[in-house]
Every structure is written in structure tokens, then in C-alpha cells.
N, C-alpha and C. Protein backbone atom coordinates (compact mmCIF):
# COMPACT_ATOMS: atom_id res chain seq x y z
N MET A 1 -37.72 157.06 35.66
CA MET A 1 -37.13 155.78 35.31
C MET A 1 -35.75 155.69 35.94
N TYR A 2 -35.36 154.47 36.27
CA TYR A 2 -34.05 154.22 36.85
C TYR A 2 -33.27 153.28 35.95
N LYS A 3 -32.03 153.64 35.72
CA LYS A 3 -31.13 152.82 34.93
C LYS A 3 -30.27 152.03 35.91
N CYS A 4 -30.17 150.73 35.69
CA CYS A 4 -29.43 149.87 36.61
C CYS A 4 -28.43 149.04 35.82
N VAL A 5 -27.17 149.05 36.23
CA VAL A 5 -26.14 148.21 35.62
C VAL A 5 -25.71 147.21 36.69
N ASP A 6 -25.92 145.90 36.42
CA ASP A 6 -25.56 144.90 37.43
C ASP A 6 -24.09 144.53 37.34
N GLU A 7 -23.65 143.56 38.20
CA GLU A 7 -22.24 143.19 38.28
C GLU A 7 -21.71 142.56 37.00
N ARG A 8 -22.58 142.05 36.14
CA ARG A 8 -22.15 141.48 34.85
C ARG A 8 -22.13 142.53 33.74
N GLY A 9 -22.55 143.72 34.04
CA GLY A 9 -22.55 144.80 33.05
C GLY A 9 -23.84 144.90 32.25
N VAL A 10 -24.86 144.14 32.65
CA VAL A 10 -26.14 144.16 31.93
C VAL A 10 -26.94 145.37 32.40
N THR A 11 -27.41 146.16 31.43
CA THR A 11 -28.18 147.36 31.74
C THR A 11 -29.66 147.04 31.67
N SER A 12 -30.41 147.51 32.65
CA SER A 12 -31.86 147.36 32.64
C SER A 12 -32.49 148.64 33.16
N TYR A 13 -33.75 148.81 32.85
CA TYR A 13 -34.48 150.01 33.28
C TYR A 13 -35.71 149.57 34.08
N SER A 14 -36.05 150.33 35.10
CA SER A 14 -37.23 150.02 35.89
C SER A 14 -37.81 151.31 36.45
N ASP A 15 -39.01 151.17 37.01
CA ASP A 15 -39.65 152.36 37.58
C ASP A 15 -39.25 152.58 39.04
N LYS A 16 -38.52 151.61 39.65
CA LYS A 16 -38.06 151.72 41.04
C LYS A 16 -36.57 151.41 41.09
N PRO A 17 -35.83 152.07 41.97
CA PRO A 17 -34.40 151.74 42.08
C PRO A 17 -34.22 150.34 42.67
N ARG A 18 -33.27 149.58 42.13
CA ARG A 18 -33.00 148.24 42.62
C ARG A 18 -31.79 148.27 43.55
N PRO A 19 -31.83 147.49 44.61
CA PRO A 19 -30.67 147.46 45.52
C PRO A 19 -29.48 146.75 44.87
N GLY A 20 -28.30 147.22 45.10
CA GLY A 20 -27.09 146.60 44.60
C GLY A 20 -26.77 146.91 43.16
N CYS A 21 -27.45 147.85 42.57
CA CYS A 21 -27.19 148.19 41.17
C CYS A 21 -26.52 149.54 41.09
N LYS A 22 -25.59 149.63 40.14
CA LYS A 22 -24.97 150.92 39.88
C LYS A 22 -25.85 151.63 38.87
N GLY A 23 -26.11 152.84 39.08
CA GLY A 23 -26.94 153.59 38.14
C GLY A 23 -27.58 154.76 38.82
N LYS A 24 -28.45 155.41 38.08
CA LYS A 24 -29.09 156.59 38.61
C LYS A 24 -30.43 156.79 37.94
N GLU A 25 -31.13 157.79 38.39
CA GLU A 25 -32.42 158.12 37.80
C GLU A 25 -32.17 158.80 36.45
N VAL A 26 -32.95 158.41 35.45
CA VAL A 26 -32.82 159.01 34.12
C VAL A 26 -34.17 159.57 33.71
N ASP A 27 -34.13 160.60 32.92
CA ASP A 27 -35.36 161.21 32.40
C ASP A 27 -35.52 160.76 30.96
N ILE A 28 -36.50 159.92 30.71
CA ILE A 28 -36.75 159.41 29.36
C ILE A 28 -37.96 160.15 28.81
N GLY A 29 -37.72 160.93 27.78
CA GLY A 29 -38.80 161.71 27.18
C GLY A 29 -39.41 160.97 26.00
N PRO A 30 -40.50 161.45 25.49
CA PRO A 30 -41.14 160.82 24.34
C PRO A 30 -40.30 161.02 23.08
N ILE A 31 -40.50 160.15 22.13
CA ILE A 31 -39.83 160.26 20.85
C ILE A 31 -40.46 161.42 20.10
N PRO A 32 -39.67 162.33 19.55
CA PRO A 32 -40.26 163.45 18.83
C PRO A 32 -40.94 162.98 17.54
N PRO A 33 -41.98 163.66 17.11
CA PRO A 33 -42.67 163.27 15.88
C PRO A 33 -41.79 163.49 14.66
N VAL A 34 -42.14 162.83 13.57
CA VAL A 34 -41.37 162.92 12.34
C VAL A 34 -41.35 164.36 11.81
N SER A 35 -42.42 165.09 12.00
CA SER A 35 -42.49 166.46 11.52
C SER A 35 -41.54 167.39 12.27
N GLY A 36 -41.10 166.96 13.44
CA GLY A 36 -40.21 167.79 14.23
C GLY A 36 -40.94 168.75 15.15
N GLU A 37 -42.24 168.89 14.95
CA GLU A 37 -43.02 169.80 15.78
C GLU A 37 -43.58 169.05 16.99
N VAL A 38 -43.24 169.51 18.15
CA VAL A 38 -43.78 168.93 19.36
C VAL A 38 -44.92 169.82 19.82
N LYS A 39 -46.12 169.28 19.76
CA LYS A 39 -47.29 170.06 20.16
C LYS A 39 -47.71 169.62 21.56
N PRO A 40 -47.93 170.57 22.44
CA PRO A 40 -48.40 170.19 23.78
C PRO A 40 -49.80 169.62 23.69
N ARG A 41 -50.10 168.75 24.62
CA ARG A 41 -51.45 168.18 24.63
C ARG A 41 -52.45 169.30 24.82
N GLY A 42 -53.42 169.31 23.95
CA GLY A 42 -54.42 170.36 24.02
C GLY A 42 -55.49 170.05 25.05
N SER A 43 -56.11 171.07 25.48
CA SER A 43 -57.20 170.88 26.43
C SER A 43 -58.53 170.77 25.69
N ASP A 44 -58.44 170.70 24.35
CA ASP A 44 -59.64 170.62 23.53
C ASP A 44 -60.05 169.15 23.35
N VAL A 45 -60.35 168.50 24.45
CA VAL A 45 -60.73 167.09 24.40
C VAL A 45 -62.05 166.92 23.65
N ALA A 46 -62.96 167.85 23.82
CA ALA A 46 -64.25 167.76 23.14
C ALA A 46 -64.06 167.84 21.62
N GLY A 47 -63.18 168.71 21.18
CA GLY A 47 -62.90 168.81 19.75
C GLY A 47 -62.25 167.56 19.21
N GLN A 48 -61.32 166.98 19.97
CA GLN A 48 -60.68 165.74 19.55
C GLN A 48 -61.70 164.61 19.49
N GLU A 49 -62.58 164.56 20.46
CA GLU A 49 -63.62 163.53 20.48
C GLU A 49 -64.56 163.70 19.28
N ALA A 50 -64.94 164.93 18.98
CA ALA A 50 -65.81 165.19 17.83
C ALA A 50 -65.12 164.78 16.52
N GLU A 51 -63.85 165.07 16.40
CA GLU A 51 -63.09 164.68 15.21
C GLU A 51 -63.02 163.16 15.09
N PHE A 52 -62.78 162.49 16.20
CA PHE A 52 -62.73 161.03 16.21
C PHE A 52 -64.06 160.44 15.77
N ARG A 53 -65.16 160.97 16.30
CA ARG A 53 -66.50 160.47 15.92
C ARG A 53 -66.81 160.76 14.46
N ARG A 54 -66.38 161.92 13.97
CA ARG A 54 -66.59 162.24 12.56
C ARG A 54 -65.88 161.22 11.67
N ARG A 55 -64.63 160.88 12.04
CA ARG A 55 -63.87 159.88 11.26
C ARG A 55 -64.54 158.51 11.33
N GLN A 56 -65.09 158.17 12.49
CA GLN A 56 -65.80 156.90 12.62
C GLN A 56 -67.02 156.85 11.71
N ILE A 57 -67.77 157.94 11.69
CA ILE A 57 -68.97 158.00 10.84
C ILE A 57 -68.59 157.91 9.38
N GLU A 58 -67.54 158.64 8.98
CA GLU A 58 -67.09 158.59 7.58
C GLU A 58 -66.65 157.19 7.21
N ARG A 59 -65.92 156.53 8.11
CA ARG A 59 -65.46 155.17 7.84
C ARG A 59 -66.66 154.22 7.71
N GLY A 60 -67.66 154.40 8.59
CA GLY A 60 -68.86 153.57 8.53
C GLY A 60 -69.63 153.78 7.23
N GLU A 61 -69.73 155.03 6.80
CA GLU A 61 -70.42 155.32 5.53
C GLU A 61 -69.67 154.73 4.36
N ALA A 62 -68.35 154.82 4.36
CA ALA A 62 -67.55 154.24 3.28
C ALA A 62 -67.69 152.73 3.26
N ASP A 63 -67.71 152.11 4.45
CA ASP A 63 -67.89 150.66 4.52
C ASP A 63 -69.27 150.26 3.99
N ALA A 64 -70.29 151.06 4.31
CA ALA A 64 -71.65 150.77 3.84
C ALA A 64 -71.72 150.90 2.32
N ARG A 65 -71.05 151.92 1.76
CA ARG A 65 -71.03 152.07 0.29
C ARG A 65 -70.33 150.88 -0.36
N ASP A 66 -69.19 150.49 0.21
CA ASP A 66 -68.45 149.35 -0.34
C ASP A 66 -69.28 148.07 -0.28
N GLU A 67 -70.00 147.88 0.83
CA GLU A 67 -70.84 146.70 0.98
C GLU A 67 -71.98 146.71 -0.03
N ALA A 68 -72.57 147.87 -0.29
CA ALA A 68 -73.65 147.97 -1.28
C ALA A 68 -73.13 147.65 -2.68
N VAL A 69 -71.95 148.15 -3.01
CA VAL A 69 -71.36 147.85 -4.32
C VAL A 69 -71.10 146.36 -4.43
N ARG A 70 -70.58 145.76 -3.37
CA ARG A 70 -70.28 144.33 -3.39
C ARG A 70 -71.56 143.51 -3.53
N ARG A 71 -72.62 143.89 -2.82
CA ARG A 71 -73.91 143.18 -2.93
C ARG A 71 -74.46 143.28 -4.35
N ASN A 72 -74.38 144.48 -4.95
CA ASN A 72 -74.87 144.65 -6.33
C ASN A 72 -74.08 143.79 -7.30
N GLU A 73 -72.76 143.75 -7.12
CA GLU A 73 -71.92 142.94 -8.00
C GLU A 73 -72.25 141.45 -7.83
N CYS A 74 -72.48 141.02 -6.61
CA CYS A 74 -72.84 139.62 -6.37
C CYS A 74 -74.18 139.28 -7.01
N GLU A 75 -75.13 140.17 -6.90
CA GLU A 75 -76.44 139.93 -7.53
C GLU A 75 -76.30 139.84 -9.05
N ARG A 76 -75.48 140.70 -9.63
CA ARG A 76 -75.27 140.65 -11.08
C ARG A 76 -74.63 139.33 -11.49
N LEU A 77 -73.63 138.88 -10.71
CA LEU A 77 -72.96 137.62 -11.01
C LEU A 77 -73.92 136.44 -10.88
N LYS A 78 -74.80 136.49 -9.85
CA LYS A 78 -75.78 135.42 -9.66
C LYS A 78 -76.75 135.34 -10.83
N ARG A 79 -77.20 136.51 -11.32
CA ARG A 79 -78.12 136.53 -12.46
C ARG A 79 -77.45 135.96 -13.72
N GLU A 80 -76.19 136.37 -13.93
CA GLU A 80 -75.48 135.87 -15.11
C GLU A 80 -75.25 134.37 -15.01
N TYR A 81 -74.88 133.90 -13.82
CA TYR A 81 -74.64 132.47 -13.64
C TYR A 81 -75.93 131.68 -13.87
N ALA A 82 -77.05 132.17 -13.34
CA ALA A 82 -78.34 131.50 -13.52
C ALA A 82 -78.71 131.46 -15.00
N ARG A 83 -78.43 132.52 -15.71
CA ARG A 83 -78.73 132.59 -17.15
C ARG A 83 -77.92 131.55 -17.92
N LEU A 84 -76.67 131.35 -17.51
CA LEU A 84 -75.83 130.37 -18.19
C LEU A 84 -76.24 128.93 -17.90
N GLN A 85 -77.00 128.71 -16.82
CA GLN A 85 -77.38 127.35 -16.45
C GLN A 85 -78.62 126.85 -17.20
N PHE A 86 -79.36 127.74 -17.87
CA PHE A 86 -80.52 127.31 -18.63
C PHE A 86 -80.07 126.45 -19.82
N PRO A 87 -80.79 125.36 -20.10
CA PRO A 87 -80.42 124.52 -21.25
C PRO A 87 -80.75 125.21 -22.57
N GLY A 88 -80.11 124.76 -23.61
CA GLY A 88 -80.37 125.30 -24.94
C GLY A 88 -79.38 126.38 -25.31
N ARG A 89 -79.59 126.91 -26.51
CA ARG A 89 -78.69 127.95 -27.00
C ARG A 89 -78.93 129.26 -26.27
N LEU A 90 -77.85 130.03 -26.14
CA LEU A 90 -77.94 131.27 -25.39
C LEU A 90 -77.40 132.40 -26.26
N ALA A 91 -78.27 133.35 -26.58
CA ALA A 91 -77.86 134.50 -27.37
C ALA A 91 -77.22 135.52 -26.44
N VAL A 92 -76.05 136.02 -26.85
CA VAL A 92 -75.35 136.98 -26.00
C VAL A 92 -75.36 138.39 -26.58
N SER A 93 -75.61 138.51 -27.89
CA SER A 93 -75.64 139.84 -28.49
C SER A 93 -76.31 139.75 -29.86
N VAL A 94 -76.38 140.91 -30.51
CA VAL A 94 -76.93 141.00 -31.86
C VAL A 94 -75.85 141.64 -32.73
N ASP A 95 -75.59 141.05 -33.88
CA ASP A 95 -74.53 141.59 -34.75
C ASP A 95 -75.05 142.75 -35.59
N ALA A 96 -74.21 143.26 -36.48
CA ALA A 96 -74.55 144.43 -37.30
C ALA A 96 -75.71 144.16 -38.25
N LYS A 97 -75.91 142.90 -38.63
CA LYS A 97 -77.00 142.54 -39.54
C LYS A 97 -78.32 142.35 -38.80
N GLY A 98 -78.27 142.45 -37.47
CA GLY A 98 -79.47 142.26 -36.68
C GLY A 98 -79.72 140.82 -36.29
N GLU A 99 -78.71 139.96 -36.53
CA GLU A 99 -78.86 138.55 -36.18
C GLU A 99 -78.27 138.28 -34.80
N ARG A 100 -78.86 137.33 -34.12
CA ARG A 100 -78.38 136.98 -32.78
C ARG A 100 -77.05 136.22 -32.87
N VAL A 101 -76.19 136.53 -31.90
CA VAL A 101 -74.91 135.82 -31.78
C VAL A 101 -75.03 134.93 -30.56
N TYR A 102 -74.77 133.63 -30.77
CA TYR A 102 -74.91 132.66 -29.69
C TYR A 102 -73.55 132.29 -29.11
N ILE A 103 -73.56 131.94 -27.83
CA ILE A 103 -72.34 131.54 -27.14
C ILE A 103 -72.14 130.03 -27.35
N ASP A 104 -70.89 129.62 -27.61
CA ASP A 104 -70.64 128.19 -27.80
C ASP A 104 -70.49 127.51 -26.44
N ASP A 105 -70.56 126.17 -26.43
CA ASP A 105 -70.56 125.42 -25.17
C ASP A 105 -69.26 125.59 -24.38
N ASP A 106 -68.10 125.61 -25.05
CA ASP A 106 -66.83 125.76 -24.32
C ASP A 106 -66.76 127.11 -23.61
N THR A 107 -67.12 128.16 -24.31
CA THR A 107 -67.11 129.50 -23.71
C THR A 107 -68.09 129.57 -22.56
N ARG A 108 -69.23 128.93 -22.74
CA ARG A 108 -70.25 128.91 -21.70
C ARG A 108 -69.73 128.22 -20.44
N GLN A 109 -69.08 127.08 -20.61
CA GLN A 109 -68.54 126.34 -19.46
C GLN A 109 -67.43 127.12 -18.77
N LYS A 110 -66.55 127.75 -19.55
CA LYS A 110 -65.46 128.54 -18.95
C LYS A 110 -66.02 129.71 -18.15
N ARG A 111 -67.01 130.40 -18.73
CA ARG A 111 -67.61 131.55 -18.03
C ARG A 111 -68.33 131.09 -16.76
N SER A 112 -69.01 129.94 -16.84
CA SER A 112 -69.69 129.41 -15.65
C SER A 112 -68.68 129.12 -14.55
N ALA A 113 -67.54 128.54 -14.90
CA ALA A 113 -66.49 128.24 -13.91
C ALA A 113 -65.95 129.53 -13.30
N GLU A 114 -65.73 130.54 -14.13
CA GLU A 114 -65.25 131.85 -13.62
C GLU A 114 -66.25 132.44 -12.63
N LEU A 115 -67.52 132.38 -13.00
CA LEU A 115 -68.56 132.96 -12.14
C LEU A 115 -68.68 132.18 -10.83
N ARG A 116 -68.56 130.85 -10.88
CA ARG A 116 -68.61 130.05 -9.66
C ARG A 116 -67.50 130.46 -8.71
N ASP A 117 -66.29 130.68 -9.25
CA ASP A 117 -65.16 131.12 -8.42
C ASP A 117 -65.44 132.48 -7.78
N LYS A 118 -65.93 133.41 -8.57
CA LYS A 118 -66.23 134.75 -8.04
C LYS A 118 -67.36 134.71 -7.03
N LEU A 119 -68.35 133.85 -7.25
CA LEU A 119 -69.48 133.75 -6.34
C LEU A 119 -69.09 133.14 -5.01
N GLY A 120 -67.94 132.48 -4.94
CA GLY A 120 -67.46 131.92 -3.68
C GLY A 120 -67.21 133.00 -2.63
N ALA A 121 -66.91 134.21 -3.08
CA ALA A 121 -66.65 135.32 -2.15
C ALA A 121 -67.93 136.08 -1.79
N CYS A 122 -69.04 135.70 -2.40
CA CYS A 122 -70.30 136.39 -2.14
C CYS A 122 -71.03 135.74 -0.97
N PRO A 123 -71.82 136.55 -0.26
CA PRO A 123 -72.60 135.99 0.87
C PRO A 123 -73.75 135.12 0.38
């Protein structure tokens, strides 16, 4: 690299010396790593490539797991939303006496709105 200072005092760097500039060749080295350890480039390119591919495979598997979880959650939300759309009373649980507990219309509408919002992110 060449450092060049022009007549206005502006400093610039280039890979070739410029005519009419004051300056000289400078050796610009890489920035040292945060750990402070400078490791020479290894000749183990095959090992680095294998490590890179291993990380790619792991990332792909993690993405596939995340996608499966998301699909399952979307299917569950779709089933619940469809259940809420049926007319008539809807039993949501059974109490301690063994009697059915029904959902009221306001709660039903609020839950339907919540599910519609969440289903917007589903495929």
C-alpha cells in the first residue's frame, strides 16, 4: 500500500504510487483478533471445509425442526379456530362435579380474533 499526502494535506491510500504526492510505501497488516492470538492460516483446508459443511447440516436440521414445530402449532391453531366457528354452545372443560363448562359468546369472539391474528403468520 502507498500513503499519499497531496498539496492540500489530504491523506489517501492506494495500491500504486501516485505522481506528485508526498508519501511512501506502508505495510498495513491485518487487525489482530480480539483473543490476541494470531494463528497462521492452516493448510488443513479439507478440515475447514468439513467443519463448514457440518455447521451447514446442523443449521439445516435445526431449521427443519423449527419448521416442523411451527407447522404443528399452525395446525393446532387451525383446529381450535374451526372448533370455535361451529354454531351453538361449546363445551371447553368438565368441572369437579362432572358437568360441562361452556364458553360464553364474548370469550369465544375474543379467542377467535386472537387465533385469526396468529393464523396470519401461518402458511
